[in-house]
Amino acid sequence: MTKRTTRRTIPTFASERAEREYWETHDAGDVVDWASARQAVFPNLKASTETISLRLPSALLSDLKVLANKRDVPYQSLLKVYLADRVSRETIGIRRPSKALQATTRAAKAGATTRRARAARG
């Protein structure tokens, strides 16, 4: 004798936030019949990123790699986060950089000051 389970219906949500809160506390297995699910294929889906070439001072790149290593993330990903943060702040008119950006900026300025001092001596 097989046990037949009754599936609940997915409720209607007033907002995306309400839906998010619902799914944080409920299991989709209660409302979705995974046995009848089909794999989705999107053959015309295009990547949402573009490849660019960017020249950075060696000291800045080294600092970025150190910061990324401390966070255990790829440096390219950390750079994207920093860029997105800054662009978003500039777009909404906030000129004060985030604390993470301030630390990176301080390191870059320190490197620039050191290079200027060497050039003046040289």
N, C-alpha and C. Protein backbone atom coordinates (compact mmCIF):
# COMPACT_ATOMS: atom_id res chain seq x y z
N MET A 1 0.83 -1.17 0.00
CA MET A 1 0.00 0.00 0.00
C MET A 1 0.89 1.24 0.00
N THR A 2 0.73 2.12 -0.96
CA THR A 2 1.54 3.34 -1.04
C THR A 2 0.84 4.46 -0.30
N LYS A 3 1.65 5.27 0.32
CA LYS A 3 1.12 6.42 1.05
C LYS A 3 0.98 7.59 0.10
N ARG A 4 -0.18 8.12 -0.01
CA ARG A 4 -0.44 9.26 -0.90
C ARG A 4 -0.36 10.55 -0.07
N THR A 5 0.51 11.46 -0.52
CA THR A 5 0.63 12.72 0.21
C THR A 5 -0.16 13.79 -0.53
N THR A 6 -0.77 14.64 0.23
CA THR A 6 -1.52 15.74 -0.36
C THR A 6 -0.61 16.95 -0.43
N ARG A 7 -0.50 17.51 -1.59
CA ARG A 7 0.37 18.69 -1.77
C ARG A 7 -0.43 19.95 -1.48
N ARG A 8 0.21 20.85 -0.76
CA ARG A 8 -0.42 22.14 -0.51
C ARG A 8 -0.22 23.03 -1.72
N THR A 9 -1.06 24.01 -1.87
CA THR A 9 -0.90 24.96 -2.98
C THR A 9 -0.01 26.11 -2.53
N ILE A 10 0.68 26.69 -3.48
CA ILE A 10 1.55 27.83 -3.19
C ILE A 10 0.67 29.05 -2.95
N PRO A 11 0.86 29.71 -1.82
CA PRO A 11 0.02 30.89 -1.54
C PRO A 11 0.36 32.05 -2.46
N THR A 12 -0.53 33.02 -2.55
CA THR A 12 -0.30 34.24 -3.30
C THR A 12 0.36 35.24 -2.35
N PHE A 13 1.39 35.92 -2.83
CA PHE A 13 2.16 36.82 -1.97
C PHE A 13 1.90 38.27 -2.37
N ALA A 14 1.88 39.14 -1.37
CA ALA A 14 1.64 40.56 -1.61
C ALA A 14 2.89 41.26 -2.14
N SER A 15 4.07 40.70 -1.81
CA SER A 15 5.32 41.32 -2.25
C SER A 15 6.40 40.25 -2.36
N GLU A 16 7.49 40.64 -2.99
CA GLU A 16 8.63 39.74 -3.11
C GLU A 16 9.20 39.44 -1.73
N ARG A 17 9.19 40.45 -0.87
CA ARG A 17 9.70 40.26 0.49
C ARG A 17 8.87 39.21 1.24
N ALA A 18 7.55 39.28 1.11
CA ALA A 18 6.68 38.30 1.76
C ALA A 18 6.96 36.90 1.25
N GLU A 19 7.17 36.79 -0.06
CA GLU A 19 7.48 35.48 -0.65
C GLU A 19 8.82 34.96 -0.13
N ARG A 20 9.82 35.85 -0.07
CA ARG A 20 11.14 35.46 0.42
C ARG A 20 11.04 34.95 1.86
N GLU A 21 10.30 35.68 2.70
CA GLU A 21 10.13 35.27 4.10
C GLU A 21 9.41 33.93 4.21
N TYR A 22 8.44 33.71 3.34
CA TYR A 22 7.71 32.45 3.33
C TYR A 22 8.67 31.29 3.02
N TRP A 23 9.46 31.43 1.95
CA TRP A 23 10.33 30.33 1.54
C TRP A 23 11.51 30.12 2.47
N GLU A 24 11.84 31.12 3.29
CA GLU A 24 12.89 30.95 4.30
C GLU A 24 12.44 30.02 5.41
N THR A 25 11.12 29.90 5.60
CA THR A 25 10.61 29.09 6.71
C THR A 25 9.81 27.86 6.25
N HIS A 26 9.63 27.68 4.95
CA HIS A 26 8.86 26.55 4.45
C HIS A 26 9.69 25.75 3.45
N ASP A 27 9.39 24.47 3.37
CA ASP A 27 10.09 23.57 2.45
C ASP A 27 9.32 23.49 1.14
N ALA A 28 10.02 23.64 0.03
CA ALA A 28 9.38 23.57 -1.29
C ALA A 28 8.86 22.16 -1.56
N GLY A 29 9.39 21.17 -0.89
CA GLY A 29 8.93 19.80 -1.08
C GLY A 29 7.49 19.59 -0.70
N ASP A 30 6.97 20.48 0.15
CA ASP A 30 5.56 20.38 0.55
C ASP A 30 4.60 20.81 -0.55
N VAL A 31 5.07 21.63 -1.49
CA VAL A 31 4.18 22.17 -2.51
C VAL A 31 4.57 21.83 -3.95
N VAL A 32 5.77 21.33 -4.16
CA VAL A 32 6.25 21.04 -5.51
C VAL A 32 6.39 19.53 -5.68
N ASP A 33 5.91 19.03 -6.79
CA ASP A 33 6.06 17.61 -7.10
C ASP A 33 7.33 17.45 -7.94
N TRP A 34 8.44 17.18 -7.28
CA TRP A 34 9.73 17.10 -7.96
C TRP A 34 9.81 15.91 -8.91
N ALA A 35 8.98 14.90 -8.70
CA ALA A 35 9.00 13.72 -9.58
C ALA A 35 8.54 14.08 -10.99
N SER A 36 7.69 15.08 -11.12
CA SER A 36 7.22 15.47 -12.45
C SER A 36 7.97 16.69 -13.01
N ALA A 37 9.02 17.11 -12.32
CA ALA A 37 9.79 18.28 -12.78
C ALA A 37 10.58 17.94 -14.04
N ARG A 38 10.76 18.94 -14.89
CA ARG A 38 11.56 18.77 -16.11
C ARG A 38 12.74 19.73 -16.05
N GLN A 39 13.84 19.33 -16.68
CA GLN A 39 15.02 20.18 -16.71
C GLN A 39 14.80 21.31 -17.72
N ALA A 40 15.11 22.53 -17.30
CA ALA A 40 14.95 23.69 -18.19
C ALA A 40 16.22 23.89 -19.01
N VAL A 41 16.04 24.25 -20.27
CA VAL A 41 17.16 24.52 -21.16
C VAL A 41 16.95 25.90 -21.78
N PHE A 42 17.98 26.73 -21.71
CA PHE A 42 17.90 28.09 -22.26
C PHE A 42 19.01 28.27 -23.29
N PRO A 43 18.80 27.83 -24.52
CA PRO A 43 19.87 27.85 -25.52
C PRO A 43 20.27 29.26 -25.98
N ASN A 44 19.39 30.23 -25.86
CA ASN A 44 19.70 31.58 -26.35
C ASN A 44 20.09 32.55 -25.23
N LEU A 45 20.34 32.02 -24.05
CA LEU A 45 20.69 32.86 -22.92
C LEU A 45 22.13 33.36 -23.11
N LYS A 46 22.31 34.67 -23.00
CA LYS A 46 23.63 35.26 -23.19
C LYS A 46 24.22 35.64 -21.85
N ALA A 47 25.52 35.58 -21.77
CA ALA A 47 26.21 35.96 -20.54
C ALA A 47 25.94 37.43 -20.23
N SER A 48 25.81 37.73 -18.95
CA SER A 48 25.50 39.11 -18.57
C SER A 48 26.77 39.90 -18.25
N THR A 49 27.92 39.32 -18.50
CA THR A 49 29.18 40.02 -18.25
C THR A 49 29.96 40.17 -19.54
N GLU A 50 30.84 41.14 -19.54
CA GLU A 50 31.72 41.35 -20.69
C GLU A 50 33.16 41.27 -20.22
N THR A 51 34.01 40.77 -21.07
CA THR A 51 35.43 40.71 -20.77
C THR A 51 36.08 42.03 -21.15
N ILE A 52 36.88 42.57 -20.23
CA ILE A 52 37.60 43.81 -20.51
C ILE A 52 39.06 43.61 -20.17
N SER A 53 39.87 44.50 -20.67
CA SER A 53 41.29 44.52 -20.32
C SER A 53 41.52 45.79 -19.52
N LEU A 54 42.13 45.66 -18.37
CA LEU A 54 42.31 46.79 -17.47
C LEU A 54 43.74 46.82 -16.97
N ARG A 55 44.42 47.92 -17.17
CA ARG A 55 45.79 48.06 -16.68
C ARG A 55 45.76 48.70 -15.31
N LEU A 56 46.39 48.03 -14.35
CA LEU A 56 46.45 48.53 -12.98
C LEU A 56 47.90 48.62 -12.55
N PRO A 57 48.23 49.59 -11.69
CA PRO A 57 49.58 49.63 -11.14
C PRO A 57 49.85 48.32 -10.37
N SER A 58 51.08 47.84 -10.46
CA SER A 58 51.43 46.56 -9.81
C SER A 58 51.13 46.58 -8.32
N ALA A 59 51.44 47.70 -7.66
CA ALA A 59 51.20 47.79 -6.21
C ALA A 59 49.71 47.67 -5.89
N LEU A 60 48.87 48.30 -6.69
CA LEU A 60 47.43 48.23 -6.47
C LEU A 60 46.92 46.81 -6.67
N LEU A 61 47.40 46.15 -7.71
CA LEU A 61 46.99 44.77 -7.98
C LEU A 61 47.45 43.85 -6.84
N SER A 62 48.66 44.07 -6.36
CA SER A 62 49.17 43.26 -5.24
C SER A 62 48.31 43.46 -4.00
N ASP A 63 47.98 44.71 -3.71
CA ASP A 63 47.12 45.00 -2.55
C ASP A 63 45.76 44.33 -2.71
N LEU A 64 45.21 44.40 -3.90
CA LEU A 64 43.91 43.79 -4.16
C LEU A 64 43.97 42.28 -3.94
N LYS A 65 45.04 41.66 -4.39
CA LYS A 65 45.19 40.21 -4.21
C LYS A 65 45.34 39.84 -2.74
N VAL A 66 46.04 40.67 -1.97
CA VAL A 66 46.19 40.42 -0.53
C VAL A 66 44.82 40.52 0.15
N LEU A 67 44.06 41.57 -0.17
CA LEU A 67 42.73 41.73 0.42
C LEU A 67 41.82 40.56 0.05
N ALA A 68 41.88 40.15 -1.20
CA ALA A 68 41.05 39.03 -1.65
C ALA A 68 41.45 37.74 -0.94
N ASN A 69 42.74 37.55 -0.77
CA ASN A 69 43.23 36.35 -0.09
C ASN A 69 42.74 36.30 1.35
N LYS A 70 42.74 37.46 2.03
CA LYS A 70 42.24 37.52 3.41
C LYS A 70 40.77 37.14 3.49
N ARG A 71 40.02 37.45 2.44
CA ARG A 71 38.59 37.15 2.41
C ARG A 71 38.29 35.80 1.75
N ASP A 72 39.34 35.15 1.25
CA ASP A 72 39.22 33.86 0.59
C ASP A 72 38.27 33.92 -0.61
N VAL A 73 38.46 34.97 -1.44
CA VAL A 73 37.69 35.13 -2.68
C VAL A 73 38.66 35.45 -3.81
N PRO A 74 38.30 35.18 -5.04
CA PRO A 74 39.16 35.56 -6.17
C PRO A 74 39.27 37.09 -6.25
N TYR A 75 40.45 37.59 -6.62
CA TYR A 75 40.64 39.04 -6.63
C TYR A 75 39.75 39.72 -7.66
N GLN A 76 39.45 39.02 -8.76
CA GLN A 76 38.56 39.62 -9.76
C GLN A 76 37.16 39.84 -9.17
N SER A 77 36.70 38.90 -8.38
CA SER A 77 35.38 39.03 -7.75
C SER A 77 35.37 40.19 -6.76
N LEU A 78 36.45 40.33 -5.98
CA LEU A 78 36.53 41.43 -5.02
C LEU A 78 36.57 42.76 -5.76
N LEU A 79 37.28 42.82 -6.86
CA LEU A 79 37.34 44.04 -7.66
C LEU A 79 35.94 44.41 -8.17
N LYS A 80 35.17 43.41 -8.61
CA LYS A 80 33.80 43.69 -9.07
C LYS A 80 32.93 44.23 -7.94
N VAL A 81 33.10 43.69 -6.74
CA VAL A 81 32.34 44.19 -5.59
C VAL A 81 32.71 45.63 -5.30
N TYR A 82 34.01 45.93 -5.30
CA TYR A 82 34.47 47.30 -5.03
C TYR A 82 33.94 48.27 -6.10
N LEU A 83 34.03 47.86 -7.35
CA LEU A 83 33.55 48.72 -8.43
C LEU A 83 32.05 48.94 -8.34
N ALA A 84 31.31 47.87 -8.09
CA ALA A 84 29.85 48.00 -7.97
C ALA A 84 29.48 48.91 -6.81
N ASP A 85 30.19 48.78 -5.69
CA ASP A 85 29.93 49.62 -4.52
C ASP A 85 30.17 51.09 -4.86
N ARG A 86 31.29 51.36 -5.48
CA ARG A 86 31.63 52.74 -5.80
C ARG A 86 30.67 53.34 -6.83
N VAL A 87 30.36 52.59 -7.87
CA VAL A 87 29.45 53.09 -8.90
C VAL A 87 28.07 53.36 -8.30
N SER A 88 27.62 52.45 -7.44
CA SER A 88 26.31 52.66 -6.81
C SER A 88 26.32 53.90 -5.93
N ARG A 89 27.40 54.11 -5.18
CA ARG A 89 27.50 55.30 -4.33
C ARG A 89 27.56 56.58 -5.16
N GLU A 90 28.31 56.55 -6.23
CA GLU A 90 28.41 57.73 -7.10
C GLU A 90 27.07 58.01 -7.77
N THR A 91 26.37 56.96 -8.15
CA THR A 91 25.10 57.11 -8.85
C THR A 91 24.04 57.75 -7.95
N ILE A 92 24.03 57.40 -6.68
CA ILE A 92 23.03 57.97 -5.79
C ILE A 92 23.54 59.21 -5.06
N GLY A 93 24.74 59.65 -5.41
CA GLY A 93 25.25 60.91 -4.90
C GLY A 93 26.01 60.85 -3.60
N ILE A 94 26.35 59.68 -3.12
CA ILE A 94 27.14 59.57 -1.90
C ILE A 94 28.61 59.59 -2.30
N ARG A 95 29.33 60.55 -1.82
CA ARG A 95 30.74 60.69 -2.21
C ARG A 95 31.69 60.00 -1.25
N ARG A 96 31.21 59.63 -0.06
CA ARG A 96 32.10 59.00 0.91
C ARG A 96 32.24 57.51 0.60
N PRO A 97 33.47 57.02 0.38
CA PRO A 97 33.65 55.61 0.05
C PRO A 97 33.40 54.71 1.27
N SER A 98 33.12 53.45 1.00
CA SER A 98 32.91 52.49 2.07
C SER A 98 34.22 52.24 2.81
N LYS A 99 34.16 51.61 3.98
CA LYS A 99 35.36 51.34 4.78
C LYS A 99 36.33 50.45 4.02
N ALA A 100 35.81 49.47 3.29
CA ALA A 100 36.68 48.59 2.50
C ALA A 100 37.41 49.39 1.44
N LEU A 101 36.71 50.31 0.81
CA LEU A 101 37.34 51.15 -0.21
C LEU A 101 38.34 52.10 0.42
N GLN A 102 38.05 52.63 1.61
CA GLN A 102 38.96 53.54 2.28
C GLN A 102 40.29 52.85 2.57
N ALA A 103 40.23 51.59 3.02
CA ALA A 103 41.46 50.85 3.31
C ALA A 103 42.27 50.64 2.03
N THR A 104 41.60 50.29 0.93
CA THR A 104 42.29 50.10 -0.34
C THR A 104 42.87 51.42 -0.84
N THR A 105 42.13 52.51 -0.68
CA THR A 105 42.59 53.82 -1.11
C THR A 105 43.82 54.24 -0.32
N ARG A 106 43.79 54.01 1.00
CA ARG A 106 44.96 54.35 1.84
C ARG A 106 46.19 53.59 1.37
N ALA A 107 46.02 52.29 1.08
CA ALA A 107 47.15 51.48 0.63
C ALA A 107 47.68 51.99 -0.71
N ALA A 108 46.79 52.37 -1.61
CA ALA A 108 47.21 52.88 -2.92
C ALA A 108 47.93 54.21 -2.76
N LYS A 109 47.43 55.09 -1.88
CA LYS A 109 48.09 56.38 -1.65
C LYS A 109 49.45 56.18 -1.03
N ALA A 110 49.57 55.23 -0.10
CA ALA A 110 50.86 54.96 0.53
C ALA A 110 51.86 54.48 -0.52
N GLY A 111 51.39 53.63 -1.43
CA GLY A 111 52.27 53.16 -2.49
C GLY A 111 52.68 54.29 -3.41
N ALA A 112 51.77 55.20 -3.71
CA ALA A 112 52.07 56.34 -4.58
C ALA A 112 53.06 57.28 -3.90
N THR A 113 52.90 57.49 -2.60
CA THR A 113 53.81 58.36 -1.85
C THR A 113 55.21 57.75 -1.85
N THR A 114 55.31 56.47 -1.64
CA THR A 114 56.61 55.78 -1.66
C THR A 114 57.25 55.90 -3.03
N ARG A 115 56.48 55.73 -4.11
CA ARG A 115 57.04 55.84 -5.46
C ARG A 115 57.51 57.25 -5.72
N ARG A 116 56.74 58.27 -5.27
CA ARG A 116 57.14 59.67 -5.46
C ARG A 116 58.44 59.97 -4.72
N ALA A 117 58.56 59.44 -3.52
CA ALA A 117 59.77 59.68 -2.72
C ALA A 117 60.99 59.05 -3.40
N ARG A 118 60.81 57.84 -3.94
CA ARG A 118 61.92 57.18 -4.65
C ARG A 118 62.29 57.97 -5.90
N ALA A 119 61.29 58.48 -6.62
CA ALA A 119 61.55 59.23 -7.83
C ALA A 119 62.29 60.55 -7.51
N ALA A 120 61.94 61.17 -6.39
CA ALA A 120 62.59 62.44 -5.99
C ALA A 120 64.05 62.18 -5.63
N ARG A 121 64.34 61.03 -5.00
CA ARG A 121 65.72 60.70 -4.63
C ARG A 121 66.53 60.32 -5.85
N GLY A 122 65.87 59.70 -6.81
CA GLY A 122 66.50 59.04 -7.92
C GLY A 122 67.04 59.82 -8.99
